[in-house]
Amino acid sequence: MAGYDNAFPHELSGGEQQRIALARALAPRPKVMLMDEPFSGLDNRLRDGIRDDTLALLKEEGTAVLMVTHEPEEAMRMADRIVLMRDGQIVHRDAR
């Protein structure tokens, strides 16, 4: 994201704004994070790379994450454990 340090938010695309927000959230090296659809604003090509880089960083830092996603592939790729909820109720739990 080099070169965006002087840019105003309205000058960035939605994907750029999302990447900046993700970088800002990871910068202080939190021990726990809640991520709500963190990659939804990214196109498919960019999503895979950012998701893989983020996952590697989170594992390296030992950060615990509760991630909400509506993408089954994303859940399978990212999760150690998966909980499926429907109408606010847990309908399935799976430990990988």
N, C-alpha and C. Protein backbone atom coordinates (compact mmCIF):
# COMPACT_ATOMS: atom_id res chain seq x y z
N MET A 1 0.81 -1.18 0.00
CA MET A 1 0.00 0.00 0.00
C MET A 1 0.87 1.26 0.00
N ALA A 2 2.12 1.06 -0.35
CA ALA A 2 3.02 2.21 -0.45
C ALA A 2 2.46 3.21 -1.45
N GLY A 3 2.64 4.46 -1.15
CA GLY A 3 2.17 5.50 -2.06
C GLY A 3 0.79 6.02 -1.73
N TYR A 4 0.12 5.43 -0.77
CA TYR A 4 -1.22 5.87 -0.41
C TYR A 4 -1.21 6.70 0.88
N ASP A 5 -0.04 6.97 1.43
CA ASP A 5 0.03 7.64 2.72
C ASP A 5 -0.50 9.07 2.70
N ASN A 6 -0.53 9.71 1.56
CA ASN A 6 -1.06 11.07 1.47
C ASN A 6 -2.43 11.13 0.81
N ALA A 7 -3.01 9.97 0.51
CA ALA A 7 -4.31 9.93 -0.16
C ALA A 7 -5.44 10.09 0.84
N PHE A 8 -6.49 10.77 0.43
CA PHE A 8 -7.70 10.88 1.23
C PHE A 8 -8.60 9.68 0.92
N PRO A 9 -9.42 9.26 1.89
CA PRO A 9 -10.28 8.09 1.66
C PRO A 9 -11.12 8.18 0.39
N HIS A 10 -11.66 9.34 0.08
CA HIS A 10 -12.51 9.46 -1.11
C HIS A 10 -11.72 9.31 -2.42
N GLU A 11 -10.40 9.32 -2.34
CA GLU A 11 -9.55 9.14 -3.52
C GLU A 11 -9.21 7.67 -3.77
N LEU A 12 -9.59 6.81 -2.84
CA LEU A 12 -9.27 5.38 -2.94
C LEU A 12 -10.48 4.58 -3.41
N SER A 13 -10.22 3.49 -4.10
CA SER A 13 -11.30 2.57 -4.47
C SER A 13 -11.77 1.84 -3.22
N GLY A 14 -12.90 1.18 -3.32
CA GLY A 14 -13.41 0.41 -2.19
C GLY A 14 -12.43 -0.67 -1.75
N GLY A 15 -11.82 -1.35 -2.70
CA GLY A 15 -10.83 -2.38 -2.37
C GLY A 15 -9.61 -1.81 -1.69
N GLU A 16 -9.15 -0.64 -2.15
CA GLU A 16 -8.01 0.01 -1.51
C GLU A 16 -8.36 0.43 -0.09
N GLN A 17 -9.56 0.96 0.09
CA GLN A 17 -9.99 1.35 1.43
C GLN A 17 -10.03 0.12 2.36
N GLN A 18 -10.50 -0.99 1.83
CA GLN A 18 -10.60 -2.20 2.64
C GLN A 18 -9.21 -2.72 3.01
N ARG A 19 -8.27 -2.68 2.07
CA ARG A 19 -6.90 -3.13 2.37
C ARG A 19 -6.24 -2.24 3.41
N ILE A 20 -6.46 -0.93 3.31
CA ILE A 20 -5.91 0.00 4.29
C ILE A 20 -6.50 -0.29 5.67
N ALA A 21 -7.81 -0.50 5.74
CA ALA A 21 -8.46 -0.80 7.01
C ALA A 21 -7.92 -2.09 7.62
N LEU A 22 -7.69 -3.10 6.79
CA LEU A 22 -7.15 -4.36 7.27
C LEU A 22 -5.72 -4.17 7.80
N ALA A 23 -4.91 -3.43 7.07
CA ALA A 23 -3.54 -3.16 7.51
C ALA A 23 -3.53 -2.39 8.83
N ARG A 24 -4.41 -1.41 8.97
CA ARG A 24 -4.48 -0.63 10.20
C ARG A 24 -4.91 -1.51 11.37
N ALA A 25 -5.81 -2.45 11.14
CA ALA A 25 -6.27 -3.33 12.21
C ALA A 25 -5.18 -4.31 12.64
N LEU A 26 -4.34 -4.74 11.70
CA LEU A 26 -3.28 -5.71 12.00
C LEU A 26 -2.02 -5.05 12.55
N ALA A 27 -1.81 -3.78 12.28
CA ALA A 27 -0.57 -3.09 12.65
C ALA A 27 -0.22 -3.17 14.14
N PRO A 28 -1.17 -3.01 15.05
CA PRO A 28 -0.81 -3.08 16.47
C PRO A 28 -0.63 -4.50 17.00
N ARG A 29 -0.69 -5.47 16.10
CA ARG A 29 -0.49 -6.89 16.47
C ARG A 29 -1.43 -7.34 17.58
N PRO A 30 -2.73 -7.28 17.32
CA PRO A 30 -3.69 -7.68 18.36
C PRO A 30 -3.61 -9.17 18.64
N LYS A 31 -3.99 -9.54 19.84
CA LYS A 31 -4.02 -10.96 20.21
C LYS A 31 -5.35 -11.61 19.81
N VAL A 32 -6.41 -10.79 19.69
CA VAL A 32 -7.73 -11.27 19.31
C VAL A 32 -8.32 -10.28 18.30
N MET A 33 -8.97 -10.80 17.26
CA MET A 33 -9.61 -9.96 16.26
C MET A 33 -10.98 -10.52 15.91
N LEU A 34 -11.92 -9.61 15.65
CA LEU A 34 -13.19 -9.96 15.05
C LEU A 34 -13.16 -9.43 13.64
N MET A 35 -13.35 -10.30 12.67
CA MET A 35 -13.31 -9.90 11.27
C MET A 35 -14.66 -10.22 10.65
N ASP A 36 -15.36 -9.18 10.19
CA ASP A 36 -16.68 -9.34 9.60
C ASP A 36 -16.58 -9.11 8.10
N GLU A 37 -16.61 -10.21 7.34
CA GLU A 37 -16.50 -10.15 5.88
C GLU A 37 -15.29 -9.31 5.45
N PRO A 38 -14.08 -9.65 5.94
CA PRO A 38 -12.93 -8.78 5.71
C PRO A 38 -12.45 -8.70 4.26
N PHE A 39 -12.84 -9.64 3.42
CA PHE A 39 -12.34 -9.66 2.05
C PHE A 39 -13.45 -9.45 1.01
N SER A 40 -14.64 -9.12 1.48
CA SER A 40 -15.79 -9.06 0.58
C SER A 40 -15.69 -7.95 -0.46
N GLY A 41 -15.00 -6.88 -0.19
CA GLY A 41 -14.90 -5.78 -1.14
C GLY A 41 -13.80 -5.92 -2.17
N LEU A 42 -13.10 -7.04 -2.13
CA LEU A 42 -11.97 -7.25 -3.03
C LEU A 42 -12.38 -8.14 -4.20
N ASP A 43 -11.80 -7.88 -5.37
CA ASP A 43 -12.09 -8.76 -6.51
C ASP A 43 -11.42 -10.11 -6.27
N ASN A 44 -11.87 -11.12 -7.00
CA ASN A 44 -11.40 -12.49 -6.76
C ASN A 44 -9.89 -12.65 -6.87
N ARG A 45 -9.28 -12.01 -7.85
CA ARG A 45 -7.83 -12.12 -8.04
C ARG A 45 -7.09 -11.58 -6.82
N LEU A 46 -7.50 -10.43 -6.36
CA LEU A 46 -6.85 -9.78 -5.22
C LEU A 46 -7.21 -10.47 -3.92
N ARG A 47 -8.45 -10.96 -3.81
CA ARG A 47 -8.93 -11.57 -2.57
C ARG A 47 -8.07 -12.75 -2.15
N ASP A 48 -7.73 -13.63 -3.08
CA ASP A 48 -6.94 -14.81 -2.74
C ASP A 48 -5.59 -14.44 -2.15
N GLY A 49 -4.90 -13.50 -2.77
CA GLY A 49 -3.58 -13.10 -2.28
C GLY A 49 -3.64 -12.41 -0.93
N ILE A 50 -4.57 -11.48 -0.77
CA ILE A 50 -4.71 -10.76 0.49
C ILE A 50 -5.13 -11.72 1.60
N ARG A 51 -6.04 -12.63 1.29
CA ARG A 51 -6.51 -13.60 2.29
C ARG A 51 -5.35 -14.50 2.74
N ASP A 52 -4.57 -14.99 1.79
CA ASP A 52 -3.45 -15.87 2.14
C ASP A 52 -2.40 -15.12 2.95
N ASP A 53 -2.09 -13.89 2.56
CA ASP A 53 -1.11 -13.08 3.31
C ASP A 53 -1.61 -12.79 4.72
N THR A 54 -2.90 -12.47 4.83
CA THR A 54 -3.48 -12.17 6.14
C THR A 54 -3.46 -13.40 7.03
N LEU A 55 -3.84 -14.55 6.48
CA LEU A 55 -3.83 -15.79 7.25
C LEU A 55 -2.43 -16.12 7.74
N ALA A 56 -1.43 -15.97 6.89
CA ALA A 56 -0.04 -16.25 7.29
C ALA A 56 0.39 -15.32 8.42
N LEU A 57 0.05 -14.04 8.31
CA LEU A 57 0.41 -13.07 9.35
C LEU A 57 -0.29 -13.38 10.66
N LEU A 58 -1.57 -13.70 10.60
CA LEU A 58 -2.31 -14.02 11.82
C LEU A 58 -1.74 -15.25 12.52
N LYS A 59 -1.38 -16.26 11.74
CA LYS A 59 -0.78 -17.46 12.32
C LYS A 59 0.59 -17.16 12.92
N GLU A 60 1.38 -16.38 12.20
CA GLU A 60 2.71 -16.01 12.68
C GLU A 60 2.63 -15.24 14.00
N GLU A 61 1.65 -14.38 14.12
CA GLU A 61 1.49 -13.56 15.32
C GLU A 61 0.74 -14.30 16.43
N GLY A 62 0.13 -15.44 16.10
CA GLY A 62 -0.64 -16.19 17.10
C GLY A 62 -1.93 -15.49 17.48
N THR A 63 -2.50 -14.76 16.54
CA THR A 63 -3.72 -13.99 16.79
C THR A 63 -4.95 -14.91 16.67
N ALA A 64 -5.80 -14.87 17.68
CA ALA A 64 -7.07 -15.60 17.63
C ALA A 64 -8.07 -14.74 16.87
N VAL A 65 -8.83 -15.37 15.98
CA VAL A 65 -9.75 -14.62 15.12
C VAL A 65 -11.12 -15.27 15.11
N LEU A 66 -12.14 -14.45 15.26
CA LEU A 66 -13.51 -14.86 14.99
C LEU A 66 -13.88 -14.15 13.71
N MET A 67 -14.10 -14.93 12.66
CA MET A 67 -14.38 -14.35 11.35
C MET A 67 -15.77 -14.73 10.88
N VAL A 68 -16.51 -13.73 10.43
CA VAL A 68 -17.83 -13.93 9.85
C VAL A 68 -17.67 -13.88 8.34
N THR A 69 -18.21 -14.89 7.66
CA THR A 69 -18.20 -14.90 6.21
C THR A 69 -19.42 -15.65 5.70
N HIS A 70 -19.85 -15.27 4.53
CA HIS A 70 -20.93 -15.99 3.86
C HIS A 70 -20.37 -16.86 2.73
N GLU A 71 -19.06 -16.93 2.63
CA GLU A 71 -18.39 -17.67 1.57
C GLU A 71 -17.87 -19.00 2.12
N PRO A 72 -18.50 -20.13 1.78
CA PRO A 72 -18.05 -21.42 2.30
C PRO A 72 -16.59 -21.73 1.98
N GLU A 73 -16.14 -21.40 0.77
CA GLU A 73 -14.73 -21.66 0.41
C GLU A 73 -13.79 -20.88 1.31
N GLU A 74 -14.13 -19.64 1.59
CA GLU A 74 -13.31 -18.81 2.45
C GLU A 74 -13.24 -19.39 3.86
N ALA A 75 -14.38 -19.84 4.35
CA ALA A 75 -14.42 -20.45 5.68
C ALA A 75 -13.54 -21.70 5.73
N MET A 76 -13.63 -22.54 4.72
CA MET A 76 -12.84 -23.77 4.69
C MET A 76 -11.34 -23.46 4.59
N ARG A 77 -11.00 -22.43 3.88
CA ARG A 77 -9.60 -22.08 3.68
C ARG A 77 -8.97 -21.46 4.92
N MET A 78 -9.75 -20.68 5.66
CA MET A 78 -9.22 -19.90 6.76
C MET A 78 -9.36 -20.58 8.12
N ALA A 79 -10.36 -21.41 8.31
CA ALA A 79 -10.78 -21.81 9.65
C ALA A 79 -10.08 -23.04 10.21
N ASP A 80 -9.88 -23.01 11.52
CA ASP A 80 -9.53 -24.20 12.29
C ASP A 80 -10.81 -24.88 12.76
N ARG A 81 -11.81 -24.06 13.05
CA ARG A 81 -13.13 -24.53 13.46
C ARG A 81 -14.19 -23.74 12.71
N ILE A 82 -15.28 -24.41 12.37
CA ILE A 82 -16.36 -23.75 11.65
C ILE A 82 -17.67 -23.98 12.40
N VAL A 83 -18.42 -22.91 12.56
CA VAL A 83 -19.75 -22.97 13.14
C VAL A 83 -20.70 -22.38 12.12
N LEU A 84 -21.73 -23.13 11.76
CA LEU A 84 -22.74 -22.66 10.81
C LEU A 84 -23.96 -22.21 11.60
N MET A 85 -24.35 -20.96 11.34
CA MET A 85 -25.53 -20.41 12.02
C MET A 85 -26.61 -20.10 11.00
N ARG A 86 -27.84 -20.31 11.41
CA ARG A 86 -28.99 -19.96 10.59
C ARG A 86 -30.02 -19.33 11.51
N ASP A 87 -30.47 -18.14 11.16
CA ASP A 87 -31.46 -17.41 11.97
C ASP A 87 -31.00 -17.26 13.42
N GLY A 88 -29.70 -17.01 13.61
CA GLY A 88 -29.16 -16.77 14.94
C GLY A 88 -28.96 -18.01 15.79
N GLN A 89 -29.17 -19.18 15.21
CA GLN A 89 -29.01 -20.44 15.93
C GLN A 89 -27.89 -21.27 15.32
N ILE A 90 -27.09 -21.90 16.17
CA ILE A 90 -26.04 -22.79 15.68
C ILE A 90 -26.70 -24.06 15.16
N VAL A 91 -26.43 -24.38 13.90
CA VAL A 91 -27.02 -25.58 13.30
C VAL A 91 -25.98 -26.65 13.01
N HIS A 92 -24.68 -26.27 13.07
CA HIS A 92 -23.63 -27.24 12.82
C HIS A 92 -22.31 -26.73 13.37
N ARG A 93 -21.55 -27.61 13.96
CA ARG A 93 -20.19 -27.31 14.42
C ARG A 93 -19.25 -28.33 13.82
N ASP A 94 -18.06 -27.85 13.43
CA ASP A 94 -17.09 -28.76 12.85
C ASP A 94 -15.70 -28.31 13.24
N ALA A 95 -14.92 -29.21 13.81
CA ALA A 95 -13.52 -28.92 14.10
C ALA A 95 -12.69 -29.59 13.04
N ARG A 96 -11.81 -28.82 12.41
CA ARG A 96 -10.97 -29.37 11.35
C ARG A 96 -9.67 -29.84 11.89
